[in-house]
């Protein structure tokens, strides 16, 4: 499939922002395609969890709480290490 190619002009600062977002394996067209997708209406998701049991919801809450605890502990550990390195 042959696709037309277009040249566009952008400012240097925008080019640097694109470079920062671009993945190693993607072209600029891929990057733009990935980032300019049309946003979906949140109402499309209304009711998608209606069949999840109360038990499963409680398990999910417990899992989230545990992940938050681990994350907090990890950040605390890193901050202490950084403060120790600065002393």
Foldseek 3Di string as FASTA:
>chain_A
DDDDDDDDDDDPVVVVVLVVQDDPPDDSVVSCCVPPDDDDDPCVCPPVCVPPDPVVVVVVVVVVVVVVVVVVVVVVVVVVVVVVVVD
